[in-house]
């Protein structure tokens, strides 16, 4: 196992509510996906938009790791982490 370090998942994707330099997208989702989004917003205290931005950042982290040949998963013990996602 390498040295543990924290990686803020929002380094590249701003989670601020500032509207400057924003691109608006229309999003269609199933009622079930809307329920999940609302639940995550409630449980994290984040806006729907910030939940989606964080999800994009976490997916990017996972895809980048996979392309490097790394593995992404969940560990029962924090001492098993090489990298810990933080910021949410």
N, C-alpha and C. Protein backbone atom coordinates (compact mmCIF):
# COMPACT_ATOMS: atom_id res chain seq x y z
N UNK A 1 0.85 -1.18 0.00
CA UNK A 1 0.00 0.00 0.00
C UNK A 1 0.88 1.23 0.00
N UNK A 2 0.53 2.25 -0.79
CA UNK A 2 1.29 3.49 -0.87
C UNK A 2 0.93 4.45 0.25
N UNK A 3 1.51 5.62 0.19
CA UNK A 3 1.18 6.65 1.17
C UNK A 3 -0.25 7.10 0.98
N UNK A 4 -0.96 7.24 2.08
CA UNK A 4 -2.34 7.71 2.00
C UNK A 4 -2.36 9.21 1.81
N UNK A 5 -3.24 9.69 0.98
CA UNK A 5 -3.47 11.11 0.82
C UNK A 5 -4.91 11.34 0.40
N UNK A 6 -5.41 12.51 0.73
CA UNK A 6 -6.78 12.85 0.40
C UNK A 6 -6.82 13.57 -0.93
N UNK A 7 -7.84 13.28 -1.72
CA UNK A 7 -8.03 13.94 -3.01
C UNK A 7 -9.39 14.61 -2.99
N UNK A 8 -9.42 15.96 -2.96
CA UNK A 8 -10.71 16.63 -3.06
C UNK A 8 -11.31 16.34 -4.43
N UNK A 9 -12.51 15.77 -4.46
CA UNK A 9 -13.09 15.39 -5.73
C UNK A 9 -13.53 16.58 -6.55
N UNK A 10 -13.56 17.76 -5.94
CA UNK A 10 -14.05 18.93 -6.66
C UNK A 10 -12.93 19.84 -7.13
N UNK A 11 -11.68 19.36 -7.22
CA UNK A 11 -10.57 20.19 -7.67
C UNK A 11 -10.87 20.87 -9.00
N UNK A 12 -11.38 20.13 -9.96
CA UNK A 12 -11.60 20.64 -11.30
C UNK A 12 -13.02 21.11 -11.55
N UNK A 13 -13.96 20.63 -10.73
CA UNK A 13 -15.36 20.98 -10.93
C UNK A 13 -15.84 21.80 -9.74
N UNK A 14 -16.14 23.05 -9.97
CA UNK A 14 -16.57 23.93 -8.90
C UNK A 14 -17.93 23.52 -8.38
N UNK A 15 -18.05 23.46 -7.06
CA UNK A 15 -19.33 23.17 -6.45
C UNK A 15 -19.99 24.44 -5.93
N UNK A 16 -19.40 25.59 -6.23
CA UNK A 16 -20.00 26.83 -5.77
C UNK A 16 -21.29 27.10 -6.54
N UNK A 17 -22.13 27.90 -5.95
CA UNK A 17 -23.41 28.23 -6.59
C UNK A 17 -23.31 29.44 -7.50
N UNK A 18 -22.11 29.92 -7.78
CA UNK A 18 -21.92 31.07 -8.66
C UNK A 18 -22.44 30.74 -10.05
N UNK A 19 -23.11 31.70 -10.67
CA UNK A 19 -23.66 31.46 -12.00
C UNK A 19 -22.73 31.94 -13.10
N UNK A 20 -21.57 32.51 -12.76
CA UNK A 20 -20.66 32.97 -13.80
C UNK A 20 -20.01 31.77 -14.48
N UNK A 21 -19.81 31.88 -15.76
CA UNK A 21 -19.16 30.84 -16.55
C UNK A 21 -19.88 29.49 -16.46
N UNK A 22 -21.17 29.51 -16.39
CA UNK A 22 -21.94 28.27 -16.33
C UNK A 22 -22.55 27.97 -17.68
N UNK A 23 -22.65 26.70 -17.98
CA UNK A 23 -23.34 26.23 -19.17
C UNK A 23 -24.57 25.48 -18.67
N UNK A 24 -25.72 25.85 -19.18
CA UNK A 24 -26.95 25.19 -18.76
C UNK A 24 -27.23 24.00 -19.67
N UNK A 25 -27.67 22.91 -19.05
CA UNK A 25 -28.06 21.70 -19.76
C UNK A 25 -29.46 21.32 -19.30
N UNK A 26 -30.25 20.81 -20.21
CA UNK A 26 -31.54 20.24 -19.85
C UNK A 26 -31.32 18.76 -19.59
N UNK A 27 -31.94 18.24 -18.57
CA UNK A 27 -31.73 16.86 -18.17
C UNK A 27 -33.07 16.17 -17.98
N UNK A 28 -33.25 15.06 -18.67
CA UNK A 28 -34.43 14.24 -18.46
C UNK A 28 -34.01 13.02 -17.65
N UNK A 29 -34.82 12.66 -16.67
CA UNK A 29 -34.51 11.48 -15.87
C UNK A 29 -35.78 10.78 -15.47
N UNK A 30 -35.63 9.54 -15.10
CA UNK A 30 -36.78 8.76 -14.65
C UNK A 30 -37.21 9.25 -13.28
N UNK A 31 -38.45 8.96 -12.90
CA UNK A 31 -38.88 9.32 -11.56
C UNK A 31 -37.99 8.69 -10.47
N UNK A 32 -37.52 7.47 -10.73
CA UNK A 32 -36.65 6.80 -9.75
C UNK A 32 -35.32 7.55 -9.60
N UNK A 33 -34.75 8.01 -10.72
CA UNK A 33 -33.51 8.77 -10.65
C UNK A 33 -33.73 10.10 -9.93
N UNK A 34 -34.87 10.72 -10.15
CA UNK A 34 -35.21 11.97 -9.47
C UNK A 34 -35.32 11.74 -7.96
N UNK A 35 -35.90 10.61 -7.57
CA UNK A 35 -35.99 10.27 -6.14
C UNK A 35 -34.61 10.09 -5.52
N UNK A 36 -33.73 9.42 -6.25
CA UNK A 36 -32.36 9.22 -5.76
C UNK A 36 -31.65 10.56 -5.62
N UNK A 37 -31.79 11.42 -6.62
CA UNK A 37 -31.16 12.74 -6.58
C UNK A 37 -31.69 13.55 -5.40
N UNK A 38 -33.00 13.56 -5.20
CA UNK A 38 -33.59 14.30 -4.09
C UNK A 38 -33.11 13.74 -2.75
N UNK A 39 -33.02 12.42 -2.65
CA UNK A 39 -32.56 11.78 -1.42
C UNK A 39 -31.10 12.15 -1.13
N UNK A 40 -30.26 12.10 -2.17
CA UNK A 40 -28.85 12.46 -1.98
C UNK A 40 -28.71 13.93 -1.60
N UNK A 41 -29.50 14.79 -2.21
CA UNK A 41 -29.48 16.21 -1.86
C UNK A 41 -29.85 16.41 -0.39
N UNK A 42 -30.90 15.74 0.03
CA UNK A 42 -31.35 15.86 1.42
C UNK A 42 -30.29 15.33 2.39
N UNK A 43 -29.73 14.15 2.08
CA UNK A 43 -28.78 13.51 2.99
C UNK A 43 -27.44 14.23 3.05
N UNK A 44 -27.04 14.89 1.98
CA UNK A 44 -25.74 15.58 1.96
C UNK A 44 -25.85 17.06 2.26
N UNK A 45 -27.05 17.62 2.13
CA UNK A 45 -27.22 19.05 2.29
C UNK A 45 -26.76 19.84 1.07
N UNK A 46 -26.51 19.16 -0.04
CA UNK A 46 -26.09 19.80 -1.28
C UNK A 46 -27.30 20.04 -2.18
N UNK A 47 -27.18 21.02 -3.06
CA UNK A 47 -28.23 21.25 -4.05
C UNK A 47 -28.20 20.10 -5.07
N UNK A 48 -29.29 19.96 -5.81
CA UNK A 48 -29.33 18.93 -6.85
C UNK A 48 -28.16 19.12 -7.82
N UNK A 49 -27.92 20.37 -8.24
CA UNK A 49 -26.82 20.64 -9.17
C UNK A 49 -25.47 20.24 -8.60
N UNK A 50 -25.24 20.53 -7.30
CA UNK A 50 -23.96 20.16 -6.70
C UNK A 50 -23.82 18.65 -6.54
N UNK A 51 -24.92 17.96 -6.27
CA UNK A 51 -24.87 16.49 -6.23
C UNK A 51 -24.45 15.96 -7.59
N UNK A 52 -25.04 16.50 -8.66
CA UNK A 52 -24.69 16.04 -10.01
C UNK A 52 -23.25 16.39 -10.36
N UNK A 53 -22.78 17.60 -10.00
CA UNK A 53 -21.38 17.96 -10.27
C UNK A 53 -20.43 17.06 -9.51
N UNK A 54 -20.74 16.75 -8.25
CA UNK A 54 -19.90 15.86 -7.46
C UNK A 54 -19.89 14.46 -8.06
N UNK A 55 -21.04 13.99 -8.51
CA UNK A 55 -21.12 12.67 -9.13
C UNK A 55 -20.26 12.62 -10.40
N UNK A 56 -20.28 13.69 -11.18
CA UNK A 56 -19.44 13.75 -12.39
C UNK A 56 -17.97 13.71 -11.99
N UNK A 57 -17.59 14.47 -10.96
CA UNK A 57 -16.19 14.49 -10.51
C UNK A 57 -15.76 13.11 -10.03
N UNK A 58 -16.63 12.43 -9.28
CA UNK A 58 -16.29 11.10 -8.78
C UNK A 58 -16.19 10.09 -9.91
N UNK A 59 -17.06 10.18 -10.90
CA UNK A 59 -16.98 9.28 -12.05
C UNK A 59 -15.71 9.54 -12.84
N UNK A 60 -15.34 10.81 -13.01
CA UNK A 60 -14.10 11.14 -13.71
C UNK A 60 -12.90 10.55 -12.97
N UNK A 61 -12.90 10.68 -11.64
CA UNK A 61 -11.82 10.11 -10.83
C UNK A 61 -11.72 8.60 -11.07
N UNK A 62 -12.87 7.92 -11.06
CA UNK A 62 -12.89 6.47 -11.25
C UNK A 62 -12.43 6.06 -12.64
N UNK A 63 -12.87 6.79 -13.67
CA UNK A 63 -12.47 6.47 -15.04
C UNK A 63 -10.97 6.72 -15.22
N UNK A 64 -10.48 7.85 -14.69
CA UNK A 64 -9.04 8.14 -14.77
C UNK A 64 -8.22 7.06 -14.07
N UNK A 65 -8.69 6.61 -12.90
CA UNK A 65 -7.99 5.56 -12.16
C UNK A 65 -7.96 4.26 -12.96
N UNK A 66 -9.08 3.91 -13.55
CA UNK A 66 -9.15 2.68 -14.34
C UNK A 66 -8.18 2.76 -15.52
N UNK A 67 -8.12 3.92 -16.18
CA UNK A 67 -7.22 4.07 -17.31
C UNK A 67 -5.75 3.96 -16.90
N UNK A 68 -5.44 4.30 -15.63
CA UNK A 68 -4.08 4.15 -15.11
C UNK A 68 -3.80 2.72 -14.67
N UNK A 69 -4.83 1.88 -14.68
CA UNK A 69 -4.68 0.51 -14.21
C UNK A 69 -4.94 0.36 -12.73
N UNK A 70 -5.46 1.40 -12.08
CA UNK A 70 -5.80 1.35 -10.67
C UNK A 70 -7.20 0.78 -10.50
N UNK A 71 -7.55 0.49 -9.26
CA UNK A 71 -8.87 -0.03 -8.93
C UNK A 71 -9.56 0.94 -7.99
N UNK A 72 -10.87 1.07 -8.12
CA UNK A 72 -11.66 1.93 -7.26
C UNK A 72 -12.70 1.06 -6.58
N UNK A 73 -12.87 1.23 -5.29
CA UNK A 73 -13.85 0.43 -4.57
C UNK A 73 -14.13 1.01 -3.21
N UNK A 74 -14.71 0.20 -2.36
CA UNK A 74 -15.04 0.59 -1.00
C UNK A 74 -14.28 -0.33 -0.07
N UNK A 75 -13.63 0.25 0.94
CA UNK A 75 -12.89 -0.55 1.92
C UNK A 75 -13.57 -0.45 3.27
N UNK A 76 -13.60 -1.55 3.98
CA UNK A 76 -14.22 -1.56 5.30
C UNK A 76 -13.34 -0.86 6.33
N UNK A 77 -12.07 -0.68 6.00
CA UNK A 77 -11.12 -0.12 6.95
C UNK A 77 -10.39 1.05 6.30
N UNK A 78 -10.42 2.26 6.90
CA UNK A 78 -9.75 3.41 6.29
C UNK A 78 -8.25 3.23 6.12
N UNK A 79 -7.64 2.35 6.91
CA UNK A 79 -6.21 2.11 6.75
C UNK A 79 -5.89 1.42 5.43
N UNK A 80 -6.90 0.86 4.78
CA UNK A 80 -6.69 0.18 3.49
C UNK A 80 -6.65 1.16 2.33
N UNK A 81 -7.00 2.43 2.55
CA UNK A 81 -7.05 3.41 1.47
C UNK A 81 -5.64 3.82 1.05
N UNK A 82 -5.43 3.91 -0.24
CA UNK A 82 -4.26 4.59 -0.79
C UNK A 82 -4.63 6.05 -1.05
N UNK A 83 -5.88 6.26 -1.49
CA UNK A 83 -6.41 7.59 -1.77
C UNK A 83 -7.80 7.66 -1.17
N UNK A 84 -8.12 8.76 -0.54
CA UNK A 84 -9.45 8.96 0.01
C UNK A 84 -10.09 10.17 -0.63
N UNK A 85 -11.28 10.00 -1.18
CA UNK A 85 -12.03 11.12 -1.76
C UNK A 85 -12.61 11.94 -0.62
N UNK A 86 -12.45 13.24 -0.69
CA UNK A 86 -13.00 14.11 0.35
C UNK A 86 -13.77 15.24 -0.30
N UNK A 87 -14.46 16.02 0.49
CA UNK A 87 -15.14 17.20 -0.03
C UNK A 87 -16.63 17.04 -0.20
N UNK A 88 -17.19 16.02 0.39
CA UNK A 88 -18.64 15.86 0.32
C UNK A 88 -19.16 15.31 1.61
